Amino acid sequence: MTIVIDPSKQGLEKVLRDYQIEALQIIWNSDNKGMTSREVYQAVNRSLGNKTISRASIINFLNDMCDESVLKFEEETCKGGTRRKYFTGLDEVGFEKHVAKVVFKSLMKDFPTQTKEAVEEALNDN
């Protein structure tokens, strides 16, 4: 997953769209029972109110989160074939740390000296 940061936003909105935040929070709050993409899709669209998001967008996002180990999945058989049940891989704090680590490592790769200096300056500003 490519992380795009919008510094003008707050919290998870810096890196995720509203439906993506909802999808993760729904799974994080599911007591790790596991949820199908259909269940997540329905819950996200209920919580978004007037706005709707496609099931394909939900599935693609959930699979991206599995690729990043933010979510885990198990495949189960069902009428018509198999489906995935999604579970928490990283909790919200773990996800936030993951985002910070990915961004920091990318900056260190391309701008190591400047990144170190900027981090030191930012820490001293507080």
Protein backbone atom coordinates (compact mmCIF):
# COMPACT_ATOMS: atom_id res chain seq x y z
CA MET A 1 0.00 0.00 0.00
CA THR A 2 1.30 3.41 -0.89
CA ILE A 3 0.97 5.83 1.98
CA VAL A 4 0.00 9.36 1.02
CA ILE A 5 0.07 11.89 3.85
CA ASP A 6 -2.09 14.99 4.06
CA PRO A 7 -0.56 17.03 6.92
CA SER A 8 -3.61 19.30 7.04
CA LYS A 9 -5.80 16.43 8.33
CA GLN A 10 -6.03 14.98 11.83
CA GLY A 11 -5.40 11.43 13.06
CA LEU A 12 -5.96 8.54 10.68
CA GLU A 13 -7.49 10.94 8.15
CA LYS A 14 -3.89 11.96 7.36
CA VAL A 15 -3.40 8.63 5.58
CA LEU A 16 -6.81 6.98 5.04
CA ARG A 17 -10.14 7.86 3.46
CA ASP A 18 -13.26 7.98 5.64
CA TYR A 19 -14.57 4.59 4.48
CA GLN A 20 -11.17 3.00 5.12
CA ILE A 21 -11.09 4.31 8.67
CA GLU A 22 -14.62 3.00 9.21
CA ALA A 23 -13.69 -0.42 7.81
CA LEU A 24 -10.70 -0.77 10.11
CA GLN A 25 -12.58 0.46 13.17
CA ILE A 26 -15.42 -1.97 12.48
CA ILE A 27 -12.97 -4.88 12.37
CA TRP A 28 -10.99 -3.58 15.37
CA ASN A 29 -14.24 -3.43 17.37
CA SER A 30 -15.49 -6.87 16.31
CA ASP A 31 -13.90 -8.69 19.27
CA ASN A 32 -11.72 -10.54 16.75
CA LYS A 33 -14.61 -12.79 15.69
CA GLY A 34 -13.74 -12.17 12.06
CA MET A 35 -15.88 -10.43 9.47
CA THR A 36 -16.57 -11.09 5.82
CA SER A 37 -16.18 -8.36 3.23
CA ARG A 38 -19.97 -8.30 2.92
CA GLU A 39 -20.39 -7.63 6.65
CA VAL A 40 -17.77 -4.88 6.55
CA TYR A 41 -19.29 -3.40 3.39
CA GLN A 42 -22.78 -3.26 4.93
CA ALA A 43 -21.53 -1.80 8.21
CA VAL A 44 -19.41 0.85 6.46
CA ASN A 45 -22.28 1.97 4.24
CA ARG A 46 -24.63 2.16 7.25
CA SER A 47 -22.17 4.36 9.10
CA LEU A 48 -21.45 6.63 6.11
CA GLY A 49 -25.11 7.67 5.86
CA ASN A 50 -25.76 9.51 2.57
CA LYS A 51 -22.47 8.46 1.01
CA THR A 52 -21.96 4.90 -0.30
CA ILE A 53 -18.84 2.98 -1.18
CA SER A 54 -18.62 -0.01 -3.52
CA ARG A 55 -18.01 -3.51 -2.24
CA ALA A 56 -15.03 -3.78 -4.60
CA SER A 57 -13.42 -0.77 -2.89
CA ILE A 58 -13.92 -2.43 0.49
CA ILE A 59 -12.50 -5.77 -0.71
CA ASN A 60 -9.47 -4.12 -2.32
CA PHE A 61 -8.77 -2.10 0.83
CA LEU A 62 -9.16 -5.12 3.13
CA ASN A 63 -6.81 -7.16 0.95
CA ASP A 64 -4.26 -4.30 0.89
CA MET A 65 -4.41 -4.24 4.69
CA CYS A 66 -3.76 -7.99 4.74
CA ASP A 67 -0.72 -7.48 2.48
CA GLU A 68 0.58 -4.96 5.06
CA SER A 69 -0.21 -7.35 7.97
CA VAL A 70 -2.58 -4.75 9.41
CA LEU A 71 -5.33 -7.36 9.03
CA LYS A 72 -5.22 -11.14 8.91
CA PHE A 73 -7.63 -13.43 7.11
CA GLU A 74 -8.83 -17.01 7.03
CA GLU A 75 -10.49 -18.57 4.03
CA GLU A 76 -13.67 -20.52 4.63
CA THR A 77 -15.89 -22.48 2.32
CA CYS A 78 -19.34 -21.18 1.64
CA LYS A 79 -22.14 -21.60 -0.85
CA GLY A 80 -20.55 -20.82 -4.18
CA GLY A 81 -16.90 -21.29 -3.22
CA THR A 82 -14.66 -19.67 -0.64
CA ARG A 83 -14.58 -16.33 1.11
CA ARG A 84 -12.25 -14.51 3.43
CA LYS A 85 -12.94 -13.65 7.04
CA TYR A 86 -10.89 -10.67 8.17
CA PHE A 87 -9.37 -10.31 11.64
CA THR A 88 -7.28 -7.72 13.44
CA GLY A 89 -3.56 -8.02 12.73
CA LEU A 90 -2.49 -4.71 14.24
CA ASP A 91 -4.67 -2.73 16.60
CA GLU A 92 -5.13 1.01 16.09
CA VAL A 93 -1.98 1.97 18.01
CA GLY A 94 0.00 -0.69 16.15
CA PHE A 95 -1.31 0.61 12.83
CA GLU A 96 -0.34 4.18 13.72
CA LYS A 97 3.17 2.97 14.59
CA HIS A 98 3.31 1.02 11.31
CA VAL A 99 2.44 4.17 9.33
CA ALA A 100 5.07 6.22 11.16
CA LYS A 101 7.70 3.53 10.61
CA VAL A 102 6.97 3.17 6.88
CA VAL A 103 7.12 6.94 6.36
CA PHE A 104 10.23 7.37 8.48
CA LYS A 105 12.09 4.52 6.73
CA SER A 106 11.21 6.00 3.33
CA LEU A 107 12.48 9.43 4.36
CA MET A 108 15.66 7.91 5.83
CA LYS A 109 16.29 6.07 2.58
CA ASP A 110 16.03 9.18 0.40
CA PHE A 111 17.03 12.00 2.78
CA PRO A 112 18.92 10.48 5.73
CA THR A 113 20.75 13.57 6.98
CA GLN A 114 17.84 15.94 6.48
CA THR A 115 15.41 13.52 8.14
CA LYS A 116 17.61 13.15 11.23
CA GLU A 117 18.02 16.91 11.47
CA ALA A 118 14.29 17.53 11.02
CA VAL A 119 13.39 14.94 13.68
CA GLU A 120 15.83 16.51 16.14
CA GLU A 121 14.43 19.98 15.42
CA ALA A 122 10.84 18.75 15.76
CA LEU A 123 11.62 17.06 19.08
CA ASN A 124 13.28 20.22 20.37
CA ASP A 125 10.26 22.32 19.31
CA ASN A 126 8.05 20.46 21.82
